[in-house]
Protein backbone atom coordinates (compact mmCIF):
# COMPACT_ATOMS: atom_id res chain seq x y z
CA MET A 1 10.15 5.53 -4.83
CA ILE A 2 9.65 7.14 -1.57
CA PHE A 3 6.55 7.34 0.25
CA GLU A 4 4.73 8.17 3.62
CA GLU A 5 1.51 7.22 4.76
CA ASN A 6 0.14 9.55 7.65
CA THR A 7 -3.17 9.13 7.61
CA GLY A 8 -3.47 6.31 9.29
CA THR A 9 -4.40 6.11 13.35
CA THR A 10 -3.80 2.51 13.89
CA THR A 11 -1.18 0.72 12.00
CA TYR A 12 -3.65 -1.35 10.40
CA GLU A 13 -5.09 1.87 8.06
CA SER A 14 -1.94 3.17 7.51
CA LEU A 15 -0.86 -0.05 5.96
CA LEU A 16 -4.31 -0.67 4.02
CA ALA A 17 -3.73 3.19 2.90
CA VAL A 18 0.00 1.77 1.70
CA SER A 19 -1.37 -1.03 -0.68
CA GLN A 20 -4.33 0.93 -1.90
CA ILE A 21 -1.55 3.51 -2.44
CA ALA A 22 1.01 0.54 -4.21
CA THR A 23 -1.60 -0.99 -5.99
CA GLU A 24 -2.25 2.00 -7.84
CA ARG A 25 1.05 2.96 -8.49
CA LYS A 26 1.48 -1.01 -9.32
CA ILE A 27 4.14 -1.48 -7.00
CA SER A 28 4.29 -4.85 -4.88
CA ARG A 29 6.99 -4.99 -2.44
CA VAL A 30 7.44 -2.15 0.03
CA LEU A 31 10.05 -1.46 3.54
CA ILE A 32 8.62 -0.57 5.55
CA VAL A 33 10.68 1.52 8.30
CA SER A 34 9.71 1.52 12.65
CA ASP A 35 10.53 1.28 16.02
CA PRO A 36 12.27 -1.83 16.60
CA PHE A 37 9.37 -3.41 18.98
CA HIS A 38 6.54 -3.06 16.25
CA MET A 39 8.78 -4.51 12.86
CA LEU A 40 6.83 -8.01 13.30
CA ARG A 41 3.45 -7.32 13.83
CA ALA A 42 3.85 -4.55 11.11
CA LYS A 43 5.47 -7.11 8.74
CA LEU A 44 2.48 -9.49 9.63
CA ILE A 45 -0.28 -6.68 8.51
CA ALA A 46 1.81 -5.51 5.52
CA GLN A 47 1.38 -9.84 4.16
CA GLU A 48 -2.68 -9.63 5.52
CA VAL A 49 -2.99 -5.96 3.72
CA GLY A 50 -1.66 -7.67 0.01
CA LEU A 51 2.10 -6.04 0.51
CA ILE A 52 5.25 -8.02 0.27
CA ALA A 53 6.93 -6.66 2.79
CA PHE A 54 10.63 -5.74 3.91
CA THR A 55 11.50 -3.95 7.57
CA SER A 56 13.64 -1.78 8.77
CA ALA A 57 14.33 -1.11 12.18
CA THR A 58 15.20 2.08 13.39
CA GLN A 59 18.27 2.76 15.32
CA SER A 60 16.85 3.68 18.28
CA SER A 61 13.50 4.29 20.11
CA VAL A 62 11.66 6.69 22.37
CA ILE A 63 10.21 3.93 24.67
CA ARG A 64 12.49 2.86 27.16
CA ASP A 65 12.75 1.01 30.47
CA THR A 66 9.71 -0.09 31.89
CA ALA A 67 7.63 1.05 28.63
CA ALA A 68 9.71 -1.17 26.61
CA LEU A 69 8.54 -3.76 28.65
CA ARG A 70 5.34 -2.78 28.63
CA ARG A 71 4.73 -2.10 25.26
CA ASN A 72 6.39 -5.29 23.77
CA MET A 73 3.70 -7.48 25.81
CA GLN A 74 1.58 -5.71 24.22
CA GLU A 75 3.11 -6.53 20.86
CA ALA A 76 2.86 -9.81 21.58
CA VAL A 77 -0.54 -10.40 22.50
CA GLY A 78 -1.68 -8.10 19.36
CA ILE A 79 0.38 -10.34 17.05
CA THR A 80 -1.09 -13.65 18.91
CA VAL A 81 -4.70 -12.65 18.22
CA GLY A 82 -3.82 -11.07 15.40
CA ARG A 83 -2.77 -14.28 13.67
CA VAL A 84 -5.32 -15.91 15.42
CA VAL A 85 -8.80 -13.60 14.26
CA GLY A 86 -6.89 -11.81 12.18
CA PHE A 87 -5.17 -7.85 12.30
CA ARG A 88 -8.23 -5.85 10.48
CA ARG A 89 -10.95 -7.30 13.46
CA VAL A 90 -8.10 -6.79 16.22
CA ASP A 91 -8.53 -3.45 14.19
CA SER A 92 -12.01 -2.78 14.36
CA TRP A 93 -11.89 -3.43 18.30
CA SER A 94 -9.55 -0.49 19.25
CA ASN A 95 -11.87 1.70 16.68
């Protein structure tokens, strides 16, 4: 079954919504498709909201050059902080 969640404004909100839909449909495993730089954080958030997540990175990214370096640094910080305090708490800080 393939479905798209597009109501969330953050990765955490989107994966929380996916978790709720998956629970309703008795689905425990999901495949997340996203930008390569985003895969680890998405998988960790999915696990935090109760999903068994597999990932598939896109072949390309719209983010390039210095923007890619900056985005990868942001992801690294986000993963580190999320692992320490929880991704739900990190999400609440940004909203």
